[in-house]
Amino acid sequence: MSAERLTLRIVGRVQGVGFRWFAVSHASDLALTGWVMNADDERSVEIVAEGEPERLDRFEQVVRDGPSGARIEHVESRR
């Protein structure tokens, strides 16, 4: 099975709540590669993840919920 790329922009209270660590931890557990960074607007996080489609699906569901301190308002997803 070939790898795919998932690009996400998570908007809401996602900076200063451990969101990047949360995303990296779950991506690592799912054997995904990529990166996550705070956006300049201070209200969103950008994620690029690559791996098997089924693992990307699981990852997207997890980050749509985020860590307990996060408040997700909107998610933009692109493959």
N, C-alpha and C. Protein backbone atom coordinates (compact mmCIF):
# COMPACT_ATOMS: atom_id res chain seq x y z
N MET A 1 0.85 -1.19 0.00
CA MET A 1 0.00 0.00 0.00
C MET A 1 0.89 1.24 0.00
N SER A 2 0.54 2.22 -0.80
CA SER A 2 1.38 3.41 -0.89
C SER A 2 0.98 4.44 0.16
N ALA A 3 1.95 5.26 0.50
CA ALA A 3 1.73 6.31 1.50
C ALA A 3 0.95 7.47 0.89
N GLU A 4 0.18 8.12 1.73
CA GLU A 4 -0.55 9.33 1.34
C GLU A 4 -0.13 10.46 2.25
N ARG A 5 -0.51 11.67 1.85
CA ARG A 5 -0.23 12.86 2.66
C ARG A 5 -1.55 13.48 3.11
N LEU A 6 -1.61 13.84 4.38
CA LEU A 6 -2.76 14.51 4.97
C LEU A 6 -2.29 15.86 5.48
N THR A 7 -2.99 16.92 5.07
CA THR A 7 -2.69 18.27 5.55
C THR A 7 -3.89 18.76 6.34
N LEU A 8 -3.63 19.23 7.57
CA LEU A 8 -4.70 19.70 8.44
C LEU A 8 -4.38 21.10 8.96
N ARG A 9 -5.42 21.89 9.12
CA ARG A 9 -5.33 23.17 9.83
C ARG A 9 -6.41 23.12 10.90
N ILE A 10 -5.99 23.11 12.15
CA ILE A 10 -6.89 23.00 13.29
C ILE A 10 -7.01 24.39 13.91
N VAL A 11 -8.23 24.92 13.97
CA VAL A 11 -8.47 26.28 14.46
C VAL A 11 -9.23 26.22 15.78
N GLY A 12 -8.85 27.10 16.70
CA GLY A 12 -9.51 27.20 18.00
C GLY A 12 -8.49 27.48 19.08
N ARG A 13 -8.76 27.00 20.27
CA ARG A 13 -7.77 27.12 21.35
C ARG A 13 -6.87 25.89 21.27
N VAL A 14 -5.82 26.02 20.46
CA VAL A 14 -4.92 24.89 20.21
C VAL A 14 -3.46 25.23 20.48
N GLN A 15 -3.18 26.46 20.82
CA GLN A 15 -1.81 26.85 21.16
C GLN A 15 -1.73 27.02 22.68
N GLY A 16 -0.64 26.53 23.25
CA GLY A 16 -0.45 26.64 24.69
C GLY A 16 -1.19 25.59 25.50
N VAL A 17 -1.70 24.55 24.82
CA VAL A 17 -2.45 23.49 25.52
C VAL A 17 -1.84 22.11 25.28
N GLY A 18 -0.63 22.06 24.71
CA GLY A 18 0.03 20.78 24.45
C GLY A 18 -0.44 20.09 23.18
N PHE A 19 -1.04 20.85 22.28
CA PHE A 19 -1.58 20.24 21.07
C PHE A 19 -0.48 19.65 20.19
N ARG A 20 0.61 20.37 20.02
CA ARG A 20 1.68 19.85 19.16
C ARG A 20 2.25 18.55 19.71
N TRP A 21 2.51 18.52 21.01
CA TRP A 21 3.02 17.29 21.63
C TRP A 21 2.02 16.16 21.45
N PHE A 22 0.74 16.45 21.67
CA PHE A 22 -0.35 15.48 21.51
C PHE A 22 -0.33 14.89 20.09
N ALA A 23 -0.25 15.77 19.09
CA ALA A 23 -0.25 15.32 17.70
C ALA A 23 0.98 14.48 17.37
N VAL A 24 2.14 14.94 17.80
CA VAL A 24 3.39 14.20 17.53
C VAL A 24 3.34 12.82 18.19
N SER A 25 2.87 12.76 19.41
CA SER A 25 2.78 11.50 20.13
C SER A 25 1.89 10.50 19.40
N HIS A 26 0.72 10.95 18.97
CA HIS A 26 -0.21 10.05 18.27
C HIS A 26 0.31 9.68 16.88
N ALA A 27 0.94 10.60 16.20
CA ALA A 27 1.53 10.29 14.90
C ALA A 27 2.62 9.23 15.05
N SER A 28 3.44 9.36 16.07
CA SER A 28 4.50 8.39 16.32
C SER A 28 3.90 7.01 16.62
N ASP A 29 2.86 6.97 17.45
CA ASP A 29 2.20 5.70 17.76
C ASP A 29 1.66 5.01 16.52
N LEU A 30 1.26 5.80 15.52
CA LEU A 30 0.69 5.26 14.28
C LEU A 30 1.73 5.11 13.17
N ALA A 31 3.00 5.34 13.50
CA ALA A 31 4.12 5.22 12.54
C ALA A 31 3.94 6.17 11.35
N LEU A 32 3.46 7.38 11.63
CA LEU A 32 3.33 8.41 10.60
C LEU A 32 4.53 9.34 10.67
N THR A 33 4.84 9.97 9.56
CA THR A 33 5.90 10.98 9.53
C THR A 33 5.28 12.31 9.17
N GLY A 34 6.02 13.39 9.40
CA GLY A 34 5.54 14.71 9.04
C GLY A 34 5.95 15.75 10.05
N TRP A 35 5.13 16.79 10.19
CA TRP A 35 5.45 17.87 11.11
C TRP A 35 4.17 18.54 11.60
N VAL A 36 4.32 19.29 12.68
CA VAL A 36 3.23 20.09 13.24
C VAL A 36 3.83 21.39 13.75
N MET A 37 3.13 22.51 13.51
CA MET A 37 3.65 23.80 13.99
C MET A 37 2.50 24.75 14.29
N ASN A 38 2.76 25.66 15.21
CA ASN A 38 1.81 26.73 15.49
C ASN A 38 1.79 27.68 14.31
N ALA A 39 0.62 28.14 13.93
CA ALA A 39 0.49 29.14 12.87
C ALA A 39 0.70 30.52 13.47
N ASP A 40 1.03 31.48 12.64
CA ASP A 40 1.29 32.84 13.09
C ASP A 40 0.06 33.55 13.66
N ASP A 41 -1.12 33.05 13.33
CA ASP A 41 -2.34 33.73 13.80
C ASP A 41 -2.65 33.47 15.28
N GLU A 42 -1.87 32.62 15.94
CA GLU A 42 -2.03 32.28 17.36
C GLU A 42 -3.35 31.60 17.67
N ARG A 43 -4.09 31.16 16.64
CA ARG A 43 -5.37 30.47 16.85
C ARG A 43 -5.44 29.15 16.11
N SER A 44 -4.33 28.74 15.48
CA SER A 44 -4.39 27.49 14.73
C SER A 44 -3.06 26.77 14.74
N VAL A 45 -3.15 25.49 14.40
CA VAL A 45 -2.00 24.61 14.28
C VAL A 45 -2.07 23.99 12.90
N GLU A 46 -0.92 23.88 12.25
CA GLU A 46 -0.85 23.24 10.94
C GLU A 46 -0.12 21.91 11.07
N ILE A 47 -0.66 20.89 10.40
CA ILE A 47 -0.10 19.53 10.48
C ILE A 47 0.02 18.96 9.08
N VAL A 48 1.14 18.32 8.81
CA VAL A 48 1.30 17.51 7.61
C VAL A 48 1.74 16.14 8.09
N ALA A 49 0.99 15.10 7.72
CA ALA A 49 1.31 13.74 8.12
C ALA A 49 1.30 12.85 6.88
N GLU A 50 2.21 11.90 6.86
CA GLU A 50 2.29 10.96 5.75
C GLU A 50 2.33 9.54 6.29
N GLY A 51 1.65 8.65 5.58
CA GLY A 51 1.63 7.25 5.97
C GLY A 51 0.50 6.51 5.28
N GLU A 52 0.21 5.32 5.81
CA GLU A 52 -0.85 4.49 5.24
C GLU A 52 -2.21 5.17 5.45
N PRO A 53 -3.08 5.10 4.44
CA PRO A 53 -4.38 5.79 4.52
C PRO A 53 -5.18 5.47 5.78
N GLU A 54 -5.23 4.22 6.19
CA GLU A 54 -6.01 3.85 7.38
C GLU A 54 -5.44 4.50 8.63
N ARG A 55 -4.13 4.59 8.72
CA ARG A 55 -3.49 5.23 9.88
C ARG A 55 -3.74 6.74 9.87
N LEU A 56 -3.74 7.33 8.68
CA LEU A 56 -4.04 8.76 8.58
C LEU A 56 -5.49 9.03 9.01
N ASP A 57 -6.40 8.14 8.65
CA ASP A 57 -7.79 8.29 9.07
C ASP A 57 -7.89 8.28 10.59
N ARG A 58 -7.21 7.33 11.24
CA ARG A 58 -7.23 7.25 12.70
C ARG A 58 -6.62 8.50 13.32
N PHE A 59 -5.51 8.96 12.76
CA PHE A 59 -4.83 10.15 13.26
C PHE A 59 -5.74 11.37 13.16
N GLU A 60 -6.40 11.52 12.02
CA GLU A 60 -7.28 12.68 11.84
C GLU A 60 -8.40 12.68 12.88
N GLN A 61 -8.97 11.54 13.16
CA GLN A 61 -10.04 11.48 14.17
C GLN A 61 -9.53 11.88 15.54
N VAL A 62 -8.33 11.45 15.90
CA VAL A 62 -7.75 11.78 17.20
C VAL A 62 -7.49 13.28 17.32
N VAL A 63 -6.86 13.88 16.29
CA VAL A 63 -6.53 15.29 16.40
C VAL A 63 -7.75 16.19 16.26
N ARG A 64 -8.83 15.71 15.68
CA ARG A 64 -10.07 16.48 15.64
C ARG A 64 -10.63 16.68 17.04
N ASP A 65 -10.32 15.76 17.95
CA ASP A 65 -10.74 15.90 19.36
C ASP A 65 -9.71 16.70 20.15
N GLY A 66 -8.43 16.47 19.88
CA GLY A 66 -7.35 17.19 20.56
C GLY A 66 -7.21 16.81 22.01
N PRO A 67 -6.21 17.39 22.68
CA PRO A 67 -6.01 17.13 24.10
C PRO A 67 -7.10 17.80 24.93
N SER A 68 -7.17 17.48 26.19
CA SER A 68 -8.27 17.95 27.04
C SER A 68 -8.37 19.47 27.13
N GLY A 69 -7.27 20.20 27.05
CA GLY A 69 -7.31 21.66 27.16
C GLY A 69 -7.67 22.39 25.88
N ALA A 70 -7.72 21.67 24.78
CA ALA A 70 -8.00 22.29 23.48
C ALA A 70 -9.50 22.47 23.28
N ARG A 71 -9.85 23.49 22.49
CA ARG A 71 -11.24 23.72 22.07
C ARG A 71 -11.21 23.91 20.55
N ILE A 72 -11.57 22.85 19.85
CA ILE A 72 -11.52 22.87 18.39
C ILE A 72 -12.76 23.58 17.85
N GLU A 73 -12.54 24.60 17.02
CA GLU A 73 -13.65 25.33 16.40
C GLU A 73 -13.86 24.91 14.95
N HIS A 74 -12.76 24.60 14.25
CA HIS A 74 -12.85 24.31 12.82
C HIS A 74 -11.64 23.48 12.40
N VAL A 75 -11.86 22.55 11.46
CA VAL A 75 -10.77 21.74 10.93
C VAL A 75 -10.84 21.78 9.42
N GLU A 76 -9.72 22.13 8.79
CA GLU A 76 -9.58 22.05 7.33
C GLU A 76 -8.71 20.85 7.05
N SER A 77 -9.18 19.96 6.19
CA SER A 77 -8.46 18.73 5.88
C SER A 77 -8.32 18.59 4.38
N ARG A 78 -7.12 18.16 3.96
CA ARG A 78 -6.85 18.00 2.52
C ARG A 78 -5.93 16.81 2.32
N ARG A 79 -6.22 16.01 1.32
CA ARG A 79 -5.33 14.89 0.95
C ARG A 79 -4.86 15.07 -0.48
